[in-house]
Amino acid sequence: MIKIKIIKKKQEISSIKISGHAQSDEYGKDLVCAGVSAIAVGVCNTIAQKGYLDKKMCFIKMKNGNISIDIVKSDQTLQVILETLVISLETIKDSYGQYIQIINEEE
């Protein structure tokens, strides 16, 4: 199962963690994993290209198929990018909920 943890502070996303594997099909044919990975990597690339990593406003860690996005200082554009990730992941969960768990926490 893919586990997604979204942490918000004062209604702003401060952290997103994605881990696990959907195992909805055999290796190389798992469309759920492929979809989640494509969306997450696309958002990480957008964050990097917009300069948020250079400005040290956030940090991204990708290791062993896990992705962690931690926000240090946010702005409206970064929040829109992160909300796009969340909405996209929720859309996949709507169709493939047995393979994805989304946990929302407020700090």
C-alpha atoms as a PDB file:
ATOM      1  CA  MET A   1       0.000   0.000   0.000  1.00  0.00           C
ATOM      2  CA  ILE A   2       1.153   3.544  -0.747  1.00  0.00           C
ATOM      3  CA  LYS A   3       1.020   5.716   2.367  1.00  0.00           C
ATOM      4  CA  ILE A   4       0.823   9.482   2.015  1.00  0.00           C
ATOM      5  CA  LYS A   5       1.124  11.726   5.056  1.00  0.00           C
ATOM      6  CA  ILE A   6       0.212  15.394   4.698  1.00  0.00           C
ATOM      7  CA  ILE A   7       0.983  17.747   7.573  1.00  0.00           C
ATOM      8  CA  LYS A   8      -0.467  21.250   7.729  1.00  0.00           C
ATOM      9  CA  LYS A   9       0.341  24.160  10.006  1.00  0.00           C
ATOM     10  CA  LYS A  10      -2.187  26.990  10.092  1.00  0.00           C
ATOM     11  CA  GLN A  11      -3.912  25.490   7.030  1.00  0.00           C
ATOM     12  CA  GLU A  12      -0.692  25.511   4.954  1.00  0.00           C
ATOM     13  CA  ILE A  13       1.045  22.329   3.853  1.00  0.00           C
ATOM     14  CA  SER A  14       4.311  21.965   5.776  1.00  0.00           C
ATOM     15  CA  SER A  15       5.241  18.386   4.883  1.00  0.00           C
ATOM     16  CA  ILE A  16       4.310  15.583   2.492  1.00  0.00           C
ATOM     17  CA  LYS A  17       5.697  12.068   2.825  1.00  0.00           C
ATOM     18  CA  ILE A  18       5.038   9.323   0.273  1.00  0.00           C
ATOM     19  CA  SER A  19       6.141   5.746   0.954  1.00  0.00           C
ATOM     20  CA  GLY A  20       5.330   2.172   0.070  1.00  0.00           C
ATOM     21  CA  HIS A  21       4.198   0.389  -3.067  1.00  0.00           C
ATOM     22  CA  ALA A  22       0.683  -0.139  -4.380  1.00  0.00           C
ATOM     23  CA  GLN A  23       1.272  -3.722  -5.535  1.00  0.00           C
ATOM     24  CA  SER A  24      -1.824  -3.415  -7.719  1.00  0.00           C
ATOM     25  CA  ASP A  25      -0.105  -5.412 -10.460  1.00  0.00           C
ATOM     26  CA  GLU A  26       3.201  -7.107 -11.212  1.00  0.00           C
ATOM     27  CA  TYR A  27       6.405  -5.082 -11.357  1.00  0.00           C
ATOM     28  CA  GLY A  28       6.488  -2.881 -14.441  1.00  0.00           C
ATOM     29  CA  LYS A  29       2.709  -2.978 -14.876  1.00  0.00           C
ATOM     30  CA  ASP A  30       1.609  -1.273 -11.656  1.00  0.00           C
ATOM     31  CA  LEU A  31      -0.321   1.736 -12.946  1.00  0.00           C
ATOM     32  CA  VAL A  32      -1.151   3.022  -9.462  1.00  0.00           C
ATOM     33  CA  CYS A  33       2.534   3.195  -8.495  1.00  0.00           C
ATOM     34  CA  ALA A  34       3.392   4.697 -11.869  1.00  0.00           C
ATOM     35  CA  GLY A  35       0.721   7.374 -11.523  1.00  0.00           C
ATOM     36  CA  VAL A  36       1.704   8.360  -7.991  1.00  0.00           C
ATOM     37  CA  SER A  37       5.389   8.403  -8.936  1.00  0.00           C
ATOM     38  CA  ALA A  38       4.827  10.494 -12.059  1.00  0.00           C
ATOM     39  CA  ILE A  39       2.766  13.090 -10.218  1.00  0.00           C
ATOM     40  CA  ALA A  40       5.137  13.284  -7.237  1.00  0.00           C
ATOM     41  CA  VAL A  41       8.315  13.512  -9.325  1.00  0.00           C
ATOM     42  CA  GLY A  42       6.678  16.098 -11.588  1.00  0.00           C
ATOM     43  CA  VAL A  43       5.829  18.266  -8.581  1.00  0.00           C
ATOM     44  CA  CYS A  44       9.345  17.846  -7.155  1.00  0.00           C
ATOM     45  CA  ASN A  45      10.804  18.921 -10.507  1.00  0.00           C
ATOM     46  CA  THR A  46       8.499  21.953 -10.564  1.00  0.00           C
ATOM     47  CA  ILE A  47       9.591  22.940  -7.051  1.00  0.00           C
ATOM     48  CA  ALA A  48      13.245  22.667  -8.112  1.00  0.00           C
ATOM     49  CA  GLN A  49      12.780  24.562 -11.383  1.00  0.00           C
ATOM     50  CA  LYS A  50      10.940  27.389  -9.620  1.00  0.00           C
ATOM     51  CA  GLY A  51      13.982  27.885  -7.369  1.00  0.00           C
ATOM     52  CA  TYR A  52      12.490  26.841  -4.038  1.00  0.00           C
ATOM     53  CA  LEU A  53      15.365  24.448  -3.318  1.00  0.00           C
ATOM     54  CA  ASP A  54      17.999  27.068  -4.171  1.00  0.00           C
ATOM     55  CA  LYS A  55      16.271  29.547  -1.847  1.00  0.00           C
ATOM     56  CA  LYS A  56      16.191  26.816   0.837  1.00  0.00           C
ATOM     57  CA  MET A  57      12.450  27.348   1.240  1.00  0.00           C
ATOM     58  CA  CYS A  58      11.950  23.591   1.161  1.00  0.00           C
ATOM     59  CA  PHE A  59      13.860  20.328   1.053  1.00  0.00           C
ATOM     60  CA  ILE A  60      13.129  17.234  -0.996  1.00  0.00           C
ATOM     61  CA  LYS A  61      14.490  13.789  -0.230  1.00  0.00           C
ATOM     62  CA  MET A  62      14.040  10.852  -2.587  1.00  0.00           C
ATOM     63  CA  LYS A  63      15.404   7.503  -1.464  1.00  0.00           C
ATOM     64  CA  ASN A  64      14.414   3.880  -2.086  1.00  0.00           C
ATOM     65  CA  GLY A  65      11.133   4.895  -3.699  1.00  0.00           C
ATOM     66  CA  ASN A  66      10.142   7.189  -0.829  1.00  0.00           C
ATOM     67  CA  ILE A  67       9.631  10.925  -1.271  1.00  0.00           C
ATOM     68  CA  SER A  68       9.714  13.531   1.470  1.00  0.00           C
ATOM     69  CA  ILE A  69       8.931  17.225   0.908  1.00  0.00           C
ATOM     70  CA  ASP A  70       9.508  19.506   3.900  1.00  0.00           C
ATOM     71  CA  ILE A  71       8.620  23.189   3.757  1.00  0.00           C
ATOM     72  CA  VAL A  72      10.718  25.703   5.690  1.00  0.00           C
ATOM     73  CA  LYS A  73       9.214  28.913   4.322  1.00  0.00           C
ATOM     74  CA  SER A  74       6.226  28.979   2.017  1.00  0.00           C
ATOM     75  CA  ASP A  75       4.513  31.361  -0.337  1.00  0.00           C
ATOM     76  CA  GLN A  76       1.250  31.248  -2.256  1.00  0.00           C
ATOM     77  CA  THR A  77       2.768  29.726  -5.406  1.00  0.00           C
ATOM     78  CA  LEU A  78       4.474  26.923  -3.491  1.00  0.00           C
ATOM     79  CA  GLN A  79       1.210  26.138  -1.703  1.00  0.00           C
ATOM     80  CA  VAL A  80      -0.622  25.933  -5.041  1.00  0.00           C
ATOM     81  CA  ILE A  81       2.025  23.502  -6.332  1.00  0.00           C
ATOM     82  CA  LEU A  82       1.663  21.353  -3.198  1.00  0.00           C
ATOM     83  CA  GLU A  83      -2.150  21.476  -3.290  1.00  0.00           C
ATOM     84  CA  THR A  84      -1.970  20.301  -6.911  1.00  0.00           C
ATOM     85  CA  LEU A  85       0.003  17.271  -5.722  1.00  0.00           C
ATOM     86  CA  VAL A  86      -2.510  16.545  -2.958  1.00  0.00           C
ATOM     87  CA  ILE A  87      -5.555  16.894  -5.227  1.00  0.00           C
ATOM     88  CA  SER A  88      -3.934  14.670  -7.869  1.00  0.00           C
ATOM     89  CA  LEU A  89      -3.142  11.991  -5.279  1.00  0.00           C
ATOM     90  CA  GLU A  90      -6.679  12.195  -3.876  1.00  0.00           C
ATOM     91  CA  THR A  91      -8.028  11.719  -7.403  1.00  0.00           C
ATOM     92  CA  ILE A  92      -6.023   8.506  -7.786  1.00  0.00           C
ATOM     93  CA  LYS A  93      -7.238   7.385  -4.348  1.00  0.00           C
ATOM     94  CA  ASP A  94     -10.854   7.924  -5.441  1.00  0.00           C
ATOM     95  CA  SER A  95     -10.428   5.190  -8.058  1.00  0.00           C
ATOM     96  CA  TYR A  96      -7.828   2.981  -6.369  1.00  0.00           C
ATOM     97  CA  GLY A  97      -8.467   3.502  -2.661  1.00  0.00           C
ATOM     98  CA  GLN A  98      -7.533  -0.049  -1.735  1.00  0.00           C
ATOM     99  CA  TYR A  99      -3.921   0.731  -2.731  1.00  0.00           C
ATOM    100  CA  ILE A 100      -3.505   4.233  -1.250  1.00  0.00           C
ATOM    101  CA  GLN A 101      -3.852   5.588   2.279  1.00  0.00           C
ATOM    102  CA  ILE A 102      -3.826   9.365   2.819  1.00  0.00           C
ATOM    103  CA  ILE A 103      -3.319  10.660   6.353  1.00  0.00           C
ATOM    104  CA  ASN A 104      -3.949  14.345   7.075  1.00  0.00           C
ATOM    105  CA  GLU A 105      -2.535  15.902  10.243  1.00  0.00           C
ATOM    106  CA  GLU A 106      -2.696  19.409  11.642  1.00  0.00           C
ATOM    107  CA  GLU A 107       0.135  20.741  13.800  1.00  0.00           C
END
